[in-house]
Amino acid sequence: MVEDYRVRYRTGRAELTGKRETLKNGRIRRKTKYVYRLSTSAGELLPEVWKQRALEEIEAAGELELLERIKEHCRGLAWLHKEAEIEEYAIECHCSRAYRAWDGFENDEEIIWM
């Protein structure tokens, strides 16, 4: 389901790379790299993997047209400048179904209450 890729929270931490470096005083230290992950119902995913899987799920659900309408709505937001930022934000809004609460957004889908 598309909702499985709703971002609950973001985490970032330093993870070991497996390499070592020698400092100028002769001490050896292990190198780390900052890794950013998104926590979803589908698991903790890297941003690139999350975006790819979410797009696949949206396509499988037949909601690509809705995603395009969400992108058009997001183009007017002041904090989004690049096309990649707009697409990522639109996917996140789509997965969390945030567009249902937007004023002025035309939504044709039926809401099924369980």
C-alpha atoms as a PDB file:
ATOM      1  CA  MET A   1       0.000   0.000   0.000  1.00  0.00           C
ATOM      2  CA  VAL A   2       1.062   3.549  -0.647  1.00  0.00           C
ATOM      3  CA  GLU A   3       0.514   4.439   3.021  1.00  0.00           C
ATOM      4  CA  ASP A   4       3.270   1.998   4.041  1.00  0.00           C
ATOM      5  CA  TYR A   5       5.794   4.516   2.725  1.00  0.00           C
ATOM      6  CA  ARG A   6       4.550   7.405   4.881  1.00  0.00           C
ATOM      7  CA  VAL A   7       7.579   8.922   6.592  1.00  0.00           C
ATOM      8  CA  ARG A   8       7.212   8.651  10.357  1.00  0.00           C
ATOM      9  CA  TYR A   9      10.516  10.258  11.239  1.00  0.00           C
ATOM     10  CA  ARG A  10      13.998  10.878   9.902  1.00  0.00           C
ATOM     11  CA  THR A  11      17.191   9.705  11.539  1.00  0.00           C
ATOM     12  CA  GLY A  12      20.805  10.459  10.843  1.00  0.00           C
ATOM     13  CA  ARG A  13      23.921   9.076  12.419  1.00  0.00           C
ATOM     14  CA  ALA A  14      27.587   8.438  11.809  1.00  0.00           C
ATOM     15  CA  GLU A  15      28.293   4.890  10.628  1.00  0.00           C
ATOM     16  CA  LEU A  16      31.670   3.239  10.257  1.00  0.00           C
ATOM     17  CA  THR A  17      33.034   2.975   6.722  1.00  0.00           C
ATOM     18  CA  GLY A  18      35.554   0.195   7.412  1.00  0.00           C
ATOM     19  CA  LYS A  19      38.531   2.469   6.658  1.00  0.00           C
ATOM     20  CA  ARG A  20      41.113   3.905   9.025  1.00  0.00           C
ATOM     21  CA  GLU A  21      43.066   7.129   8.981  1.00  0.00           C
ATOM     22  CA  THR A  22      46.241   8.195  10.739  1.00  0.00           C
ATOM     23  CA  LEU A  23      46.114  11.534  12.493  1.00  0.00           C
ATOM     24  CA  LYS A  24      49.081  13.906  12.569  1.00  0.00           C
ATOM     25  CA  ASN A  25      49.998  12.829  16.116  1.00  0.00           C
ATOM     26  CA  GLY A  26      50.257   9.182  14.961  1.00  0.00           C
ATOM     27  CA  ARG A  27      46.958   8.016  16.429  1.00  0.00           C
ATOM     28  CA  ILE A  28      44.789   5.791  14.227  1.00  0.00           C
ATOM     29  CA  ARG A  29      41.060   6.390  14.080  1.00  0.00           C
ATOM     30  CA  ARG A  30      38.252   4.666  12.189  1.00  0.00           C
ATOM     31  CA  LYS A  31      36.501   6.775   9.557  1.00  0.00           C
ATOM     32  CA  THR A  32      32.774   7.429   9.767  1.00  0.00           C
ATOM     33  CA  LYS A  33      30.228   8.710   7.302  1.00  0.00           C
ATOM     34  CA  TYR A  34      26.927  10.441   8.057  1.00  0.00           C
ATOM     35  CA  VAL A  35      23.960   8.336   6.887  1.00  0.00           C
ATOM     36  CA  TYR A  36      20.406   9.708   6.677  1.00  0.00           C
ATOM     37  CA  ARG A  37      17.448   7.279   6.817  1.00  0.00           C
ATOM     38  CA  LEU A  38      13.658   7.524   6.681  1.00  0.00           C
ATOM     39  CA  SER A  39      11.573   5.420   9.035  1.00  0.00           C
ATOM     40  CA  THR A  40       8.356   4.032   7.508  1.00  0.00           C
ATOM     41  CA  SER A  41       6.023   1.088   8.034  1.00  0.00           C
ATOM     42  CA  ALA A  42       8.003  -0.649   5.285  1.00  0.00           C
ATOM     43  CA  GLY A  43      11.211  -0.292   7.344  1.00  0.00           C
ATOM     44  CA  GLU A  44      14.123   2.117   7.622  1.00  0.00           C
ATOM     45  CA  LEU A  45      15.123   3.163   4.117  1.00  0.00           C
ATOM     46  CA  LEU A  46      17.708   5.383   2.508  1.00  0.00           C
ATOM     47  CA  PRO A  47      16.067   8.382   0.783  1.00  0.00           C
ATOM     48  CA  GLU A  48      16.845   7.094  -2.731  1.00  0.00           C
ATOM     49  CA  VAL A  49      15.411   3.656  -1.985  1.00  0.00           C
ATOM     50  CA  TRP A  50      12.333   5.174  -0.319  1.00  0.00           C
ATOM     51  CA  LYS A  51      11.653   7.397  -3.326  1.00  0.00           C
ATOM     52  CA  GLN A  52      12.025   4.528  -5.794  1.00  0.00           C
ATOM     53  CA  ARG A  53       9.818   2.123  -3.840  1.00  0.00           C
ATOM     54  CA  ALA A  54       7.170   4.768  -3.152  1.00  0.00           C
ATOM     55  CA  LEU A  55       7.005   5.649  -6.859  1.00  0.00           C
ATOM     56  CA  GLU A  56       6.661   1.953  -7.743  1.00  0.00           C
ATOM     57  CA  GLU A  57       3.831   1.594  -5.234  1.00  0.00           C
ATOM     58  CA  ILE A  58       2.067   4.729  -6.510  1.00  0.00           C
ATOM     59  CA  GLU A  59       2.346   3.405 -10.064  1.00  0.00           C
ATOM     60  CA  ALA A  60       1.023  -0.014  -9.015  1.00  0.00           C
ATOM     61  CA  ALA A  61      -1.957   1.660  -7.342  1.00  0.00           C
ATOM     62  CA  GLY A  62      -2.678   3.640 -10.516  1.00  0.00           C
ATOM     63  CA  GLU A  63      -2.299   7.016  -8.822  1.00  0.00           C
ATOM     64  CA  LEU A  64       0.288   8.674 -11.083  1.00  0.00           C
ATOM     65  CA  GLU A  65      -2.222  11.277 -12.261  1.00  0.00           C
ATOM     66  CA  LEU A  66      -2.943  12.212  -8.644  1.00  0.00           C
ATOM     67  CA  LEU A  67       0.801  12.516  -7.994  1.00  0.00           C
ATOM     68  CA  GLU A  68       1.141  14.912 -10.937  1.00  0.00           C
ATOM     69  CA  ARG A  69      -1.685  17.065  -9.562  1.00  0.00           C
ATOM     70  CA  ILE A  70       0.024  17.117  -6.158  1.00  0.00           C
ATOM     71  CA  LYS A  71       3.292  18.177  -7.843  1.00  0.00           C
ATOM     72  CA  GLU A  72       1.515  21.044  -9.602  1.00  0.00           C
ATOM     73  CA  HIS A  73       0.052  22.151  -6.285  1.00  0.00           C
ATOM     74  CA  CYS A  74       3.500  21.989  -4.611  1.00  0.00           C
ATOM     75  CA  ARG A  75       5.214  24.096  -7.294  1.00  0.00           C
ATOM     76  CA  GLY A  76       3.876  27.269  -5.680  1.00  0.00           C
ATOM     77  CA  LEU A  77       5.463  26.599  -2.290  1.00  0.00           C
ATOM     78  CA  ALA A  78       8.189  29.112  -1.464  1.00  0.00           C
ATOM     79  CA  TRP A  79      10.611  26.690   0.219  1.00  0.00           C
ATOM     80  CA  LEU A  80      10.797  24.285  -2.721  1.00  0.00           C
ATOM     81  CA  HIS A  81      13.158  25.477  -5.466  1.00  0.00           C
ATOM     82  CA  LYS A  82      14.411  22.475  -7.439  1.00  0.00           C
ATOM     83  CA  GLU A  83      12.351  19.933  -9.352  1.00  0.00           C
ATOM     84  CA  ALA A  84      13.831  17.090  -7.268  1.00  0.00           C
ATOM     85  CA  GLU A  85      12.712  18.797  -4.046  1.00  0.00           C
ATOM     86  CA  ILE A  86       9.210  19.293  -5.437  1.00  0.00           C
ATOM     87  CA  GLU A  87       8.957  15.660  -6.501  1.00  0.00           C
ATOM     88  CA  GLU A  88      10.203  14.321  -3.162  1.00  0.00           C
ATOM     89  CA  TYR A  89       7.816  16.556  -1.205  1.00  0.00           C
ATOM     90  CA  ALA A  90       4.901  15.584  -3.466  1.00  0.00           C
ATOM     91  CA  ILE A  91       5.636  11.876  -2.963  1.00  0.00           C
ATOM     92  CA  GLU A  92       5.767  12.397   0.790  1.00  0.00           C
ATOM     93  CA  CYS A  93       2.431  14.281   0.735  1.00  0.00           C
ATOM     94  CA  HIS A  94       0.923  11.551  -1.430  1.00  0.00           C
ATOM     95  CA  CYS A  95       2.067   8.718   0.845  1.00  0.00           C
ATOM     96  CA  SER A  96       0.753  10.462   3.959  1.00  0.00           C
ATOM     97  CA  ARG A  97      -2.472  11.481   2.144  1.00  0.00           C
ATOM     98  CA  ALA A  98      -1.920  15.064   3.318  1.00  0.00           C
ATOM     99  CA  TYR A  99      -3.562  16.440   0.168  1.00  0.00           C
ATOM    100  CA  ARG A 100      -6.962  15.471   1.568  1.00  0.00           C
ATOM    101  CA  ALA A 101      -6.749  18.364   4.044  1.00  0.00           C
ATOM    102  CA  TRP A 102      -5.554  21.060   1.593  1.00  0.00           C
ATOM    103  CA  ASP A 103      -7.851  23.959   0.824  1.00  0.00           C
ATOM    104  CA  GLY A 104      -8.397  24.463  -2.874  1.00  0.00           C
ATOM    105  CA  PHE A 105      -7.082  21.051  -3.916  1.00  0.00           C
ATOM    106  CA  GLU A 106      -9.521  19.143  -6.090  1.00  0.00           C
ATOM    107  CA  ASN A 107      -9.659  15.518  -5.004  1.00  0.00           C
ATOM    108  CA  ASP A 108     -11.729  13.104  -7.074  1.00  0.00           C
ATOM    109  CA  GLU A 109     -10.968   9.919  -5.186  1.00  0.00           C
ATOM    110  CA  GLU A 110     -13.552   8.248  -3.019  1.00  0.00           C
ATOM    111  CA  ILE A 111     -12.775   8.078   0.660  1.00  0.00           C
ATOM    112  CA  ILE A 112     -13.622   4.659   2.004  1.00  0.00           C
ATOM    113  CA  TRP A 113     -14.163   4.631   5.742  1.00  0.00           C
ATOM    114  CA  MET A 114     -13.288   1.440   7.519  1.00  0.00           C
END
